[in-house]
Amino acid sequence: MSVSSTGESASILPWFWPDAGSLALLSQSPVLPWNDLRDDPGAIFLLLAHHDPLLTDFGSESPSPNLLRNAARNLHDQSVPWVDWRHRTVAPVYRTAMAAARLSGMIAEYVGSCDPVAAWCGGILATAGWMAVGVIEPAALAECVTASNFASDPWGAQLRTWGVSRGDIAWKLACGWALPNWARVLMGGLSYSPEDADRIGGLARIQAVVQTAVVLAEELETPLGLSQEFDPADAHAELLLRSADLESIRTRFVALQQHGRMFQREWRNPLGVPGLAEELDDAAEQITRTEERSGTIPFRREIDEPLQAAKLEAMAEFAAGASHEINTPLAVISANSQYLLKQSPSELERKALESIIRQTDRVHGILRELMFFARPPAPKFADVNVGEIAAETIRQLQPVADERAVRLDLSKPGNPLMMEADADQLRNIMTALVRNGIEAAGKQGCVRLRITTRSDRIELIVEDSGPGPDETAREHLFDPFYCGRSAGRGRGLGLPTAWQLARQHGGDVRFVPVPNGLTRFVCTLPTSVPQALPARKSA
């Protein structure tokens, strides 16, 4: 294979093959078998395409049916080469990748405020460009690492042997693969400082943890030139790490390396396992039937992440532009209309001017809602009384319910229920869910807000007596501007905004079908600030 085609082919890989054993475990395990998958790069990327470790408990949630179906479908496509990571040509890169992953997990646990599972995945993400070349042309890895100028000029060696740099390969893969936003930023922008990564949608602490781990991994295993792409001092400053801390982590890793079974996994080509695709499809159907029988459809992060990210970013850019391009002429129209209204116009002119002012105010309101959905402010966490906020929400929405002849009920624990949250955003979540219920319940209907607790989480359960969304509407419940129920059609930003705000708190919002004719939405939130939260652009 030519130099240019090696890098180009690596840049457009659709996936890495997981090991046959990993796929078999996914088809057999009732929950995600994280400990058995974490040393398999292909399995890691398959998981990240359907589950965000910042939103999913890998030890308790079942595999997504779509994950299993996609894995089964991939088994019918033999265009992607399979690689045995024990082979001498690719093993050095694999060992460095696994060292970076394990060290990332260890550092995340050491510093706190960073999810160890997400950090582990980050160590794999950091080396994806190298592994992609190993999949396409294993010999090209050794050729690059052994180049005479590699130590002093790793980028030049990559360009001469692959045609493109590791960073360019990783960036193109990150743009094309389904990944959570923080993972895409880390994989495609390992060179970004933690502060810069946070500014473009990544997570500063995970970026810092992985960069610190990469430096240690390249000291302990094969150097890949990754640590020359960034300033480790920025990462250490973000994590408040000293030399003694780094030495302690290094010592622990070396001890594990000497006494554990690192890098000893057996690899088996999944393309040579008869019936594996059928087993994965059967497992997907079984999980789907179980969820349908239990009446719960989890809101998984298995949406097409690149499409969703692009949609939100386009929404943000539109809202930001609209606030300037539309609000400015609107303000002129409104101000001139108010001026003319004070000039004693005729009755006909007065009514026309008042109508203009009302409509400009309405457009201002729409733009404010749109901006709030697209770029909600970062939450300001404090101890809040959930019951008090719920009671206040019901009082504020009572006139809206009375106007529609809808009864509102509130059920909450007798004792004060405290949690760490942004009070205004928590109020907005409750308002969006209850208002959605009021608009759907219809005349003489009812809406109930219940607050329950489960271990370290709180559930806000909103039920209404409306007809509920049909099967088609369920697929779009959290899409902005989608109004799937005929009663009380709004602008379609309530549920998406509630989900956005819940996600900023480390929780989610999901639709739960129930057999008694009620429509139920459940918002689940942690009672304390999660260790790591998805970063969002703020207005």
Protein backbone atom coordinates (compact mmCIF):
# COMPACT_ATOMS: atom_id res chain seq x y z
CA MET A 1 0.00 0.00 0.00
CA SER A 2 1.34 3.46 -0.89
CA VAL A 3 2.26 6.01 1.77
CA SER A 4 -0.63 8.35 0.96
CA SER A 5 -3.24 5.58 0.77
CA THR A 6 -2.24 4.23 4.21
CA GLY A 7 -3.13 7.46 6.00
CA GLU A 8 -6.15 8.15 3.82
CA SER A 9 -7.58 4.66 4.38
CA ALA A 10 -6.97 4.90 8.14
CA SER A 11 -8.84 8.23 8.19
CA ILE A 12 -12.06 6.74 6.80
CA LEU A 13 -12.28 3.51 8.80
CA PRO A 14 -15.93 2.98 9.81
CA TRP A 15 -15.03 1.01 12.99
CA PHE A 16 -12.49 -1.23 14.72
CA TRP A 17 -13.42 -4.89 15.06
CA PRO A 18 -14.12 -6.00 18.64
CA ASP A 19 -12.80 -9.37 19.69
CA ALA A 20 -15.13 -12.34 19.13
CA GLY A 21 -15.18 -12.96 22.88
CA SER A 22 -16.34 -9.39 23.55
CA LEU A 23 -19.25 -9.73 21.12
CA ALA A 24 -20.21 -13.10 22.58
CA LEU A 25 -20.25 -11.58 26.08
CA LEU A 26 -22.44 -8.70 24.91
CA SER A 27 -24.93 -11.16 23.46
CA GLN A 28 -25.04 -13.19 26.69
CA SER A 29 -24.72 -10.67 29.52
CA PRO A 30 -27.80 -9.00 31.06
CA VAL A 31 -25.69 -5.92 31.85
CA LEU A 32 -22.76 -4.24 30.14
CA PRO A 33 -19.73 -6.42 31.06
CA TRP A 34 -17.35 -3.49 31.42
CA ASN A 35 -14.50 -5.31 33.17
CA ASP A 36 -14.37 -7.88 30.36
CA LEU A 37 -14.55 -5.30 27.56
CA ARG A 38 -12.31 -2.49 28.74
CA ASP A 39 -9.10 -3.88 27.22
CA ASP A 40 -10.70 -4.29 23.77
CA PRO A 41 -10.41 -1.07 21.68
CA GLY A 42 -13.10 -2.17 19.22
CA ALA A 43 -15.52 -2.91 22.06
CA ILE A 44 -14.77 0.47 23.65
CA PHE A 45 -15.74 2.34 20.49
CA LEU A 46 -18.83 0.17 20.05
CA LEU A 47 -19.92 1.04 23.60
CA LEU A 48 -19.26 4.77 23.13
CA ALA A 49 -21.41 4.81 19.99
CA HIS A 50 -24.45 3.82 22.06
CA HIS A 51 -23.70 4.55 25.74
CA ASP A 52 -22.12 7.63 27.31
CA PRO A 53 -20.26 6.53 30.48
CA LEU A 54 -21.07 9.93 32.01
CA LEU A 55 -24.80 9.10 31.76
CA THR A 56 -24.77 5.29 32.01
CA ASP A 57 -23.89 2.95 34.87
CA PHE A 58 -21.91 0.34 32.96
CA GLY A 59 -22.35 -2.07 35.85
CA SER A 60 -26.15 -2.10 35.86
CA GLU A 61 -27.56 -1.08 32.45
CA SER A 62 -28.26 -3.66 29.77
CA PRO A 63 -26.64 -3.32 26.34
CA SER A 64 -28.58 -1.11 23.97
CA PRO A 65 -30.56 -3.19 21.43
CA ASN A 66 -29.18 -0.92 18.71
CA LEU A 67 -25.63 -1.66 19.85
CA LEU A 68 -26.26 -5.38 19.43
CA ARG A 69 -28.01 -4.94 16.09
CA ASN A 70 -25.25 -2.74 14.71
CA ALA A 71 -22.61 -5.24 15.81
CA ALA A 72 -24.56 -8.02 14.07
CA ARG A 73 -24.89 -5.95 10.90
CA ASN A 74 -21.17 -5.17 10.87
CA LEU A 75 -20.41 -8.91 10.87
CA HIS A 76 -21.84 -9.09 7.36
CA ASP A 77 -19.36 -6.44 6.12
CA GLN A 78 -15.86 -7.86 5.69
CA SER A 79 -14.33 -4.73 4.14
CA VAL A 80 -12.68 -3.67 7.44
CA PRO A 81 -9.55 -5.70 8.31
CA TRP A 82 -9.41 -7.49 11.64
CA VAL A 83 -6.23 -7.15 13.69
CA ASP A 84 -4.75 -9.36 16.40
CA TRP A 85 -3.36 -6.85 18.90
CA ARG A 86 -0.84 -9.44 20.17
CA HIS A 87 1.01 -9.41 16.84
CA ARG A 88 4.50 -7.97 17.18
CA THR A 89 3.86 -5.19 14.66
CA VAL A 90 0.88 -3.71 16.54
CA ALA A 91 1.45 -4.92 20.12
CA PRO A 92 3.65 -1.92 21.12
CA VAL A 93 0.88 0.53 20.16
CA TYR A 94 -1.72 -1.59 21.92
CA ARG A 95 0.38 -1.74 25.08
CA THR A 96 0.79 2.04 25.12
CA ALA A 97 -2.93 2.50 24.54
CA MET A 98 -3.83 0.14 27.39
CA ALA A 99 -1.29 1.79 29.67
CA ALA A 100 -2.83 5.19 28.89
CA ALA A 101 -6.31 3.80 29.58
CA ARG A 102 -5.43 2.16 32.90
CA LEU A 103 -3.40 5.17 34.05
CA SER A 104 -6.29 7.48 33.10
CA GLY A 105 -8.63 5.45 35.28
CA MET A 106 -6.14 5.48 38.15
CA ILE A 107 -5.55 9.24 37.90
CA ALA A 108 -9.31 9.90 37.75
CA GLU A 109 -9.79 7.97 40.99
CA TYR A 110 -6.78 9.72 42.56
CA VAL A 111 -7.90 13.31 41.83
CA GLY A 112 -11.67 12.80 42.14
CA SER A 113 -14.28 14.88 40.26
CA CYS A 114 -13.68 12.79 37.13
CA ASP A 115 -15.43 9.59 36.06
CA PRO A 116 -12.88 6.71 35.98
CA VAL A 117 -14.73 4.78 33.26
CA ALA A 118 -14.90 7.81 30.97
CA ALA A 119 -11.24 8.51 31.70
CA TRP A 120 -10.30 4.90 30.82
CA CYS A 121 -12.13 5.30 27.51
CA GLY A 122 -10.23 8.56 27.03
CA GLY A 123 -6.91 6.71 27.13
CA ILE A 124 -8.10 4.60 24.19
CA LEU A 125 -9.43 7.65 22.36
CA ALA A 126 -6.04 9.36 22.63
CA THR A 127 -4.32 6.59 20.65
CA ALA A 128 -7.04 6.01 18.04
CA GLY A 129 -5.04 7.50 15.17
CA TRP A 130 -2.18 5.07 15.74
CA MET A 131 -4.52 2.09 16.08
CA ALA A 132 -6.32 3.02 12.86
CA VAL A 133 -3.03 2.80 10.97
CA GLY A 134 -2.39 -0.55 12.65
CA VAL A 135 -5.71 -1.85 11.34
CA ILE A 136 -5.00 -0.73 7.76
CA GLU A 137 -1.26 -1.45 7.48
CA PRO A 138 0.35 -2.97 10.61
CA ALA A 139 3.86 -2.78 9.17
CA ALA A 140 3.48 0.99 8.82
CA LEU A 141 3.45 1.33 12.61
CA ALA A 142 6.86 -0.24 13.04
CA GLU A 143 8.21 1.68 10.07
CA CYS A 144 7.19 4.98 11.66
CA VAL A 145 8.37 4.20 15.22
CA THR A 146 11.77 2.95 14.01
CA ALA A 147 12.36 5.90 11.67
CA SER A 148 15.66 7.62 12.48
CA ASN A 149 14.00 11.00 13.04
CA PHE A 150 10.94 9.76 14.97
CA ALA A 151 12.12 10.77 18.46
CA SER A 152 12.93 14.33 17.38
CA ASP A 153 10.20 14.81 14.76
CA PRO A 154 7.30 12.32 15.19
CA TRP A 155 5.00 14.37 12.95
CA GLY A 156 7.53 14.39 10.13
CA ALA A 157 8.01 10.63 10.45
CA GLN A 158 4.24 10.12 10.31
CA LEU A 159 3.90 12.26 7.21
CA ARG A 160 6.70 10.39 5.46
CA THR A 161 5.41 6.90 6.31
CA TRP A 162 1.62 7.41 6.36
CA GLY A 163 1.06 10.49 4.21
CA VAL A 164 -0.86 12.28 7.03
CA SER A 165 -0.25 12.87 10.72
CA ARG A 166 -1.76 10.94 13.62
CA GLY A 167 -3.69 14.04 14.65
CA ASP A 168 -5.30 14.43 11.22
CA ILE A 169 -6.34 10.77 11.18
CA ALA A 170 -7.84 11.01 14.67
CA TRP A 171 -9.66 14.23 13.84
CA LYS A 172 -11.29 12.77 10.72
CA LEU A 173 -12.32 9.62 12.61
CA ALA A 174 -13.76 11.70 15.46
CA CYS A 175 -15.83 13.71 12.99
CA GLY A 176 -17.17 10.58 11.31
CA TRP A 177 -17.81 8.22 14.23
CA ALA A 178 -20.76 8.25 16.61
CA LEU A 179 -19.27 9.50 19.89
CA PRO A 180 -20.36 11.66 22.83
CA ASN A 181 -19.22 15.25 22.35
CA TRP A 182 -16.56 15.15 25.08
CA ALA A 183 -15.10 11.99 23.51
CA ARG A 184 -15.06 13.54 20.05
CA VAL A 185 -13.17 16.59 21.31
CA LEU A 186 -10.64 14.43 23.17
CA MET A 187 -10.06 12.02 20.29
CA GLY A 188 -9.75 14.71 17.62
CA GLY A 189 -8.10 17.35 19.79
CA LEU A 190 -5.67 15.69 22.21
CA SER A 191 -3.38 18.67 21.65
CA TYR A 192 -5.93 21.14 23.10
CA SER A 193 -5.25 22.47 26.57
CA PRO A 194 -7.92 21.53 29.15
CA GLU A 195 -9.22 25.10 29.04
CA ASP A 196 -9.47 25.12 25.23
CA ALA A 197 -11.11 21.66 25.20
CA ASP A 198 -13.73 22.88 27.66
CA ARG A 199 -14.39 25.93 25.48
CA ILE A 200 -15.28 23.83 22.42
CA GLY A 201 -17.50 21.27 24.15
CA GLY A 202 -15.01 18.91 25.80
CA LEU A 203 -14.42 18.29 29.49
CA ALA A 204 -11.38 20.02 30.98
CA ARG A 205 -10.73 17.48 33.75
CA ILE A 206 -10.97 14.42 31.50
CA GLN A 207 -8.71 16.16 28.97
CA ALA A 208 -6.18 16.85 31.75
CA VAL A 209 -6.41 13.32 33.18
CA VAL A 210 -5.81 11.69 29.80
CA GLN A 211 -2.95 14.01 28.88
CA THR A 212 -1.25 13.23 32.21
CA ALA A 213 -1.79 9.50 31.64
CA VAL A 214 -0.39 9.67 28.09
CA VAL A 215 2.86 11.20 29.35
CA LEU A 216 3.29 8.42 31.92
CA ALA A 217 2.28 5.71 29.43
CA GLU A 218 4.90 6.85 26.92
CA GLU A 219 7.54 6.79 29.66
CA LEU A 220 6.59 3.22 30.66
CA GLU A 221 5.75 1.75 27.23
CA THR A 222 6.53 2.60 23.60
CA PRO A 223 6.66 6.39 22.97
CA LEU A 224 4.27 7.42 20.20
CA GLY A 225 5.03 11.13 20.18
CA LEU A 226 1.63 11.99 21.70
CA SER A 227 3.06 13.81 24.73
CA GLN A 228 4.91 16.21 22.42
CA GLU A 229 1.58 17.57 21.17
CA PHE A 230 0.58 19.40 24.38
CA ASP A 231 1.99 21.03 27.50
CA PRO A 232 1.64 18.64 30.47
CA ALA A 233 1.98 21.60 32.85
CA ASP A 234 -1.53 22.77 31.86
CA ALA A 235 -2.93 19.34 32.74
CA HIS A 236 -1.09 19.19 36.06
CA ALA A 237 -2.34 22.66 36.95
CA GLU A 238 -5.93 21.68 36.15
CA LEU A 239 -5.67 18.61 38.41
CA LEU A 240 -3.43 20.22 41.08
CA LEU A 241 -0.94 17.35 40.69
CA ARG A 242 2.59 17.54 42.09
CA SER A 243 5.65 15.46 41.24
CA ALA A 244 5.08 13.30 44.32
CA ASP A 245 1.52 12.54 43.16
CA LEU A 246 2.73 11.48 39.72
CA GLU A 247 5.42 9.25 41.23
CA SER A 248 2.84 7.59 43.49
CA ILE A 249 0.59 6.83 40.50
CA ARG A 250 3.52 5.55 38.47
CA THR A 251 4.59 3.23 41.30
CA ARG A 252 1.09 1.79 41.65
CA PHE A 253 0.87 1.15 37.92
CA VAL A 254 4.24 -0.63 37.80
CA ALA A 255 3.18 -2.84 40.70
CA LEU A 256 -0.02 -3.80 38.86
CA GLN A 257 1.98 -4.42 35.72
CA GLN A 258 4.32 -6.81 37.53
CA HIS A 259 1.68 -8.77 39.44
CA GLY A 260 -1.37 -8.57 37.17
CA ARG A 261 -2.31 -10.01 33.81
CA MET A 262 -2.03 -6.84 31.75
CA PHE A 263 -1.81 -7.18 27.98
CA GLN A 264 -2.49 -10.95 28.09
CA ARG A 265 -5.88 -11.07 26.40
CA GLU A 266 -6.51 -13.77 23.79
CA TRP A 267 -7.77 -12.36 20.49
CA ARG A 268 -10.14 -14.15 18.12
CA ASN A 269 -11.48 -12.97 14.77
CA PRO A 270 -15.28 -12.49 15.06
CA LEU A 271 -15.69 -13.04 11.31
CA GLY A 272 -14.77 -16.68 11.83
CA VAL A 273 -17.44 -17.43 14.45
CA PRO A 274 -20.54 -19.02 12.92
CA GLY A 275 -23.89 -17.86 14.29
CA LEU A 276 -22.48 -14.85 16.19
CA ALA A 277 -24.54 -12.32 14.22
CA GLU A 278 -27.70 -14.29 14.91
CA GLU A 279 -26.88 -14.45 18.63
CA LEU A 280 -26.49 -10.67 18.75
CA ASP A 281 -29.78 -10.11 16.91
CA ASP A 282 -31.57 -12.53 19.23
CA ALA A 283 -30.16 -10.77 22.29
CA ALA A 284 -31.34 -7.40 20.94
CA GLU A 285 -34.86 -8.74 20.46
CA GLN A 286 -34.86 -10.24 23.96
CA ILE A 287 -33.84 -6.93 25.57
CA THR A 288 -36.46 -5.06 23.52
CA ARG A 289 -39.22 -7.47 24.62
CA THR A 290 -38.11 -7.23 28.26
CA GLU A 291 -38.25 -3.44 28.16
CA GLU A 292 -41.66 -3.48 26.53
CA ARG A 293 -43.01 -5.89 29.16
CA SER A 294 -41.60 -3.80 32.00
CA GLY A 295 -43.14 -0.67 30.50
CA THR A 296 -39.89 1.29 30.50
CA ILE A 297 -38.11 2.69 27.48
CA PRO A 298 -34.76 4.05 28.70
CA PHE A 299 -33.65 7.34 27.16
CA ARG A 300 -30.24 6.06 26.06
CA ARG A 301 -27.57 8.16 24.43
CA GLU A 302 -27.85 6.02 21.32
CA ILE A 303 -29.16 8.79 19.13
CA ASP A 304 -27.00 9.46 16.15
CA GLU A 305 -24.54 11.61 18.14
CA PRO A 306 -22.91 13.40 15.20
CA LEU A 307 -26.34 14.32 13.83
CA GLN A 308 -27.61 15.39 17.25
CA ALA A 309 -24.48 17.42 17.97
CA ALA A 310 -24.71 19.11 14.57
CA LYS A 311 -28.39 19.84 15.15
CA LEU A 312 -27.74 21.46 18.54
CA GLU A 313 -24.78 23.44 17.26
CA ALA A 314 -26.78 24.68 14.27
CA MET A 315 -29.57 25.62 16.68
CA ALA A 316 -27.12 27.52 18.87
CA GLU A 317 -25.64 29.38 15.92
CA PHE A 318 -29.09 30.21 14.59
CA ALA A 319 -30.25 31.45 18.00
CA ALA A 320 -27.14 33.58 18.51
CA GLY A 321 -27.46 35.07 15.04
CA ALA A 322 -31.19 35.55 15.38
CA SER A 323 -30.81 37.41 18.66
CA HIS A 324 -28.79 40.03 16.79
CA GLU A 325 -30.20 39.95 13.27
CA ILE A 326 -33.87 39.73 14.30
CA ASN A 327 -33.96 41.39 17.71
CA THR A 328 -32.32 44.58 16.47
CA PRO A 329 -34.93 45.41 13.77
CA LEU A 330 -37.65 44.12 16.11
CA ALA A 331 -36.58 46.61 18.75
CA VAL A 332 -36.76 49.40 16.17
CA ILE A 333 -40.24 48.30 15.08
CA SER A 334 -41.44 48.03 18.67
CA ALA A 335 -39.95 51.37 19.74
CA ASN A 336 -41.42 53.23 16.75
CA SER A 337 -44.80 51.60 17.28
CA GLN A 338 -44.81 52.68 20.93
CA TYR A 339 -43.80 56.20 19.90
CA LEU A 340 -46.65 56.42 17.39
CA LEU A 341 -49.05 55.00 19.96
CA LYS A 342 -48.33 58.03 22.17
CA GLN A 343 -49.21 60.48 19.38
CA SER A 344 -53.00 60.13 19.86
CA PRO A 345 -53.70 57.97 16.79
CA SER A 346 -57.17 57.12 15.56
CA GLU A 347 -58.90 54.07 17.05
CA LEU A 348 -58.08 51.97 13.98
CA GLU A 349 -54.42 53.02 14.07
CA ARG A 350 -54.21 52.39 17.83
CA LYS A 351 -55.43 48.82 17.44
CA ALA A 352 -52.98 48.18 14.61
CA LEU A 353 -50.05 49.57 16.62
CA GLU A 354 -50.98 47.57 19.71
CA SER A 355 -51.13 44.43 17.56
CA ILE A 356 -47.65 45.17 16.18
CA ILE A 357 -46.24 45.62 19.68
CA ARG A 358 -47.83 42.37 20.88
CA GLN A 359 -46.39 40.42 17.99
CA THR A 360 -42.88 41.86 18.39
CA ASP A 361 -43.00 40.90 22.07
CA ARG A 362 -44.09 37.41 21.05
CA VAL A 363 -41.15 37.03 18.65
CA HIS A 364 -38.78 38.27 21.36
CA GLY A 365 -40.15 35.55 23.64
CA ILE A 366 -39.67 32.83 21.03
CA LEU A 367 -36.06 33.87 20.48
CA ARG A 368 -35.37 33.88 24.23
CA GLU A 369 -36.76 30.32 24.52
CA LEU A 370 -34.74 29.17 21.55
CA MET A 371 -31.55 30.66 22.96
CA PHE A 372 -32.18 29.11 26.36
CA PHE A 373 -32.61 25.66 24.80
CA ALA A 374 -29.59 25.92 22.51
CA ARG A 375 -27.16 27.40 25.06
CA PRO A 376 -28.46 27.03 28.60
CA PRO A 377 -26.32 28.72 31.25
CA ALA A 378 -24.03 26.53 33.34
CA PRO A 379 -25.83 25.37 36.51
CA LYS A 380 -25.03 27.11 39.81
CA PHE A 381 -25.24 24.27 42.31
CA ALA A 382 -26.50 24.87 45.85
CA ASP A 383 -28.56 22.97 48.43
CA VAL A 384 -32.23 23.29 47.45
CA ASN A 385 -35.50 21.99 48.90
CA VAL A 386 -37.10 19.99 46.10
CA GLY A 387 -40.55 19.97 47.70
CA GLU A 388 -40.63 23.75 48.03
CA ILE A 389 -39.67 24.24 44.39
CA ALA A 390 -42.31 21.72 43.32
CA ALA A 391 -45.01 23.50 45.36
CA GLU A 392 -43.95 26.84 43.89
CA THR A 393 -44.10 25.39 40.37
CA ILE A 394 -47.64 24.09 40.93
CA ARG A 395 -48.75 27.50 42.29
CA GLN A 396 -47.31 29.33 39.30
CA LEU A 397 -48.97 26.98 36.79
CA GLN A 398 -52.33 26.85 38.56
CA PRO A 399 -53.82 29.74 36.51
CA VAL A 400 -52.76 27.97 33.30
CA ALA A 401 -54.42 24.77 34.50
CA ASP A 402 -57.58 26.61 35.63
CA GLU A 403 -57.89 28.21 32.21
CA ARG A 404 -57.96 24.73 30.66
CA ALA A 405 -60.06 23.15 33.44
CA VAL A 406 -57.20 20.80 34.37
CA ARG A 407 -56.70 19.61 37.95
CA LEU A 408 -53.15 19.79 39.35
CA ASP A 409 -51.95 17.48 42.14
CA LEU A 410 -48.64 17.36 43.99
CA SER A 411 -47.35 14.35 45.91
CA LYS A 412 -44.10 14.79 47.84
CA PRO A 413 -42.43 13.32 50.91
CA GLY A 414 -43.51 14.79 54.25
CA ASN A 415 -39.95 15.57 55.34
CA PRO A 416 -37.83 18.19 53.54
CA LEU A 417 -36.05 16.63 50.57
CA MET A 418 -32.71 18.33 49.86
CA MET A 419 -30.43 18.01 46.84
CA GLU A 420 -27.59 19.87 45.14
CA ALA A 421 -28.99 21.62 42.07
CA ASP A 422 -29.47 24.93 40.32
CA ALA A 423 -32.79 26.09 41.79
CA ASP A 424 -33.85 28.06 38.70
CA GLN A 425 -33.01 25.21 36.32
CA LEU A 426 -34.75 22.66 38.55
CA ARG A 427 -37.82 24.91 38.52
CA ASN A 428 -37.60 25.15 34.72
CA ILE A 429 -37.46 21.35 34.42
CA MET A 430 -40.57 20.93 36.57
CA THR A 431 -42.37 23.76 34.76
CA ALA A 432 -41.66 22.27 31.32
CA LEU A 433 -42.85 18.79 32.33
CA VAL A 434 -45.98 19.96 34.16
CA ARG A 435 -46.89 22.45 31.43
CA ASN A 436 -46.49 19.68 28.85
CA GLY A 437 -48.96 17.61 30.89
CA ILE A 438 -51.43 20.49 31.16
CA GLU A 439 -51.35 21.10 27.42
CA ALA A 440 -51.91 17.39 26.69
CA ALA A 441 -54.50 16.53 29.36
CA GLY A 442 -57.45 18.32 27.72
CA LYS A 443 -60.49 19.83 29.48
CA GLN A 444 -61.48 18.18 32.77
CA GLY A 445 -58.18 16.32 32.70
CA CYS A 446 -55.65 15.97 35.49
CA VAL A 447 -51.88 16.28 35.95
CA ARG A 448 -49.93 14.98 38.92
CA LEU A 449 -46.34 15.73 39.96
CA ARG A 450 -44.82 13.07 42.24
CA ILE A 451 -41.42 13.19 43.90
CA THR A 452 -39.76 9.92 44.89
CA THR A 453 -36.27 8.96 46.00
CA ARG A 454 -34.09 6.01 45.01
CA SER A 455 -30.75 5.61 46.76
CA ASP A 456 -28.73 8.66 45.70
CA ARG A 457 -31.19 9.87 43.06
CA ILE A 458 -34.48 11.77 42.96
CA GLU A 459 -37.27 11.09 40.49
CA LEU A 460 -39.69 13.78 39.34
CA ILE A 461 -42.66 11.88 37.89
CA VAL A 462 -45.26 13.82 35.90
CA GLU A 463 -48.41 11.99 34.81
CA ASP A 464 -51.31 13.37 32.78
CA SER A 465 -54.64 11.95 31.62
CA GLY A 466 -54.08 12.84 27.98
CA PRO A 467 -54.01 10.28 25.16
CA GLY A 468 -50.22 10.06 25.10
CA PRO A 469 -47.87 10.09 22.10
CA ASP A 470 -48.27 7.42 19.43
CA GLU A 471 -45.41 5.20 18.27
CA THR A 472 -44.28 7.70 15.64
CA ALA A 473 -44.33 10.63 18.05
CA ARG A 474 -42.29 8.75 20.66
CA GLU A 475 -39.26 8.81 18.37
CA HIS A 476 -39.36 12.64 18.31
CA LEU A 477 -40.42 13.55 21.85
CA PHE A 478 -37.14 15.29 22.61
CA ASP A 479 -36.65 16.86 19.18
CA PRO A 480 -36.87 20.67 19.29
CA PHE A 481 -40.01 22.16 17.68
CA TYR A 482 -41.76 18.79 17.52
CA CYS A 483 -45.35 18.85 18.84
CA GLY A 484 -46.79 15.35 18.51
CA ARG A 485 -49.99 15.67 20.54
CA SER A 486 -53.03 17.42 19.17
CA ALA A 487 -54.12 18.99 22.48
CA GLY A 488 -52.49 22.32 23.28
CA ARG A 489 -49.80 22.42 20.65
CA GLY A 490 -46.90 24.60 21.84
CA ARG A 491 -43.58 25.52 20.27
CA GLY A 492 -42.06 22.12 21.00
CA LEU A 493 -39.19 23.34 23.20
CA GLY A 494 -40.49 22.24 26.61
CA LEU A 495 -39.36 18.62 26.69
CA PRO A 496 -36.06 19.23 24.84
CA THR A 497 -35.22 22.05 27.26
CA ALA A 498 -36.11 19.90 30.28
CA TRP A 499 -33.82 17.17 28.94
CA GLN A 500 -30.99 19.64 28.30
CA LEU A 501 -31.18 21.02 31.84
CA ALA A 502 -31.49 17.56 33.39
CA ARG A 503 -28.41 16.43 31.47
CA GLN A 504 -26.49 19.43 32.81
CA HIS A 505 -27.29 18.06 36.28
CA GLY A 506 -26.08 14.55 35.40
CA GLY A 507 -29.61 13.18 34.92
CA ASP A 508 -32.10 12.55 32.14
CA VAL A 509 -35.74 12.76 31.13
CA ARG A 510 -37.54 9.78 29.63
CA PHE A 511 -41.01 8.74 28.52
CA VAL A 512 -42.37 5.72 30.39
CA PRO A 513 -45.49 4.07 28.91
CA VAL A 514 -47.91 2.76 31.55
CA PRO A 515 -50.88 0.41 31.06
CA ASN A 516 -53.49 2.40 33.04
CA GLY A 517 -54.13 5.06 30.41
CA LEU A 518 -51.87 7.73 31.92
CA THR A 519 -48.97 9.41 30.15
CA ARG A 520 -45.82 9.48 32.26
CA PHE A 521 -42.53 11.35 31.98
CA VAL A 522 -39.78 10.72 34.52
CA CYS A 523 -36.87 13.04 35.27
CA THR A 524 -34.07 11.36 37.23
CA LEU A 525 -31.48 13.54 38.96
CA PRO A 526 -28.58 12.80 41.32
CA THR A 527 -28.97 14.28 44.80
CA SER A 528 -25.38 15.56 44.76
CA VAL A 529 -23.21 17.12 42.07
CA PRO A 530 -21.86 14.33 39.81
CA GLN A 531 -18.09 13.93 39.51
CA ALA A 532 -18.15 14.86 35.84
CA LEU A 533 -20.77 16.60 33.80
CA PRO A 534 -21.17 17.06 30.04
CA ALA A 535 -19.94 20.51 29.07
CA ARG A 536 -22.29 22.79 27.21
CA LYS A 537 -21.82 26.15 25.59
CA SER A 538 -23.43 28.90 27.59
CA ALA A 539 -25.10 31.97 26.28
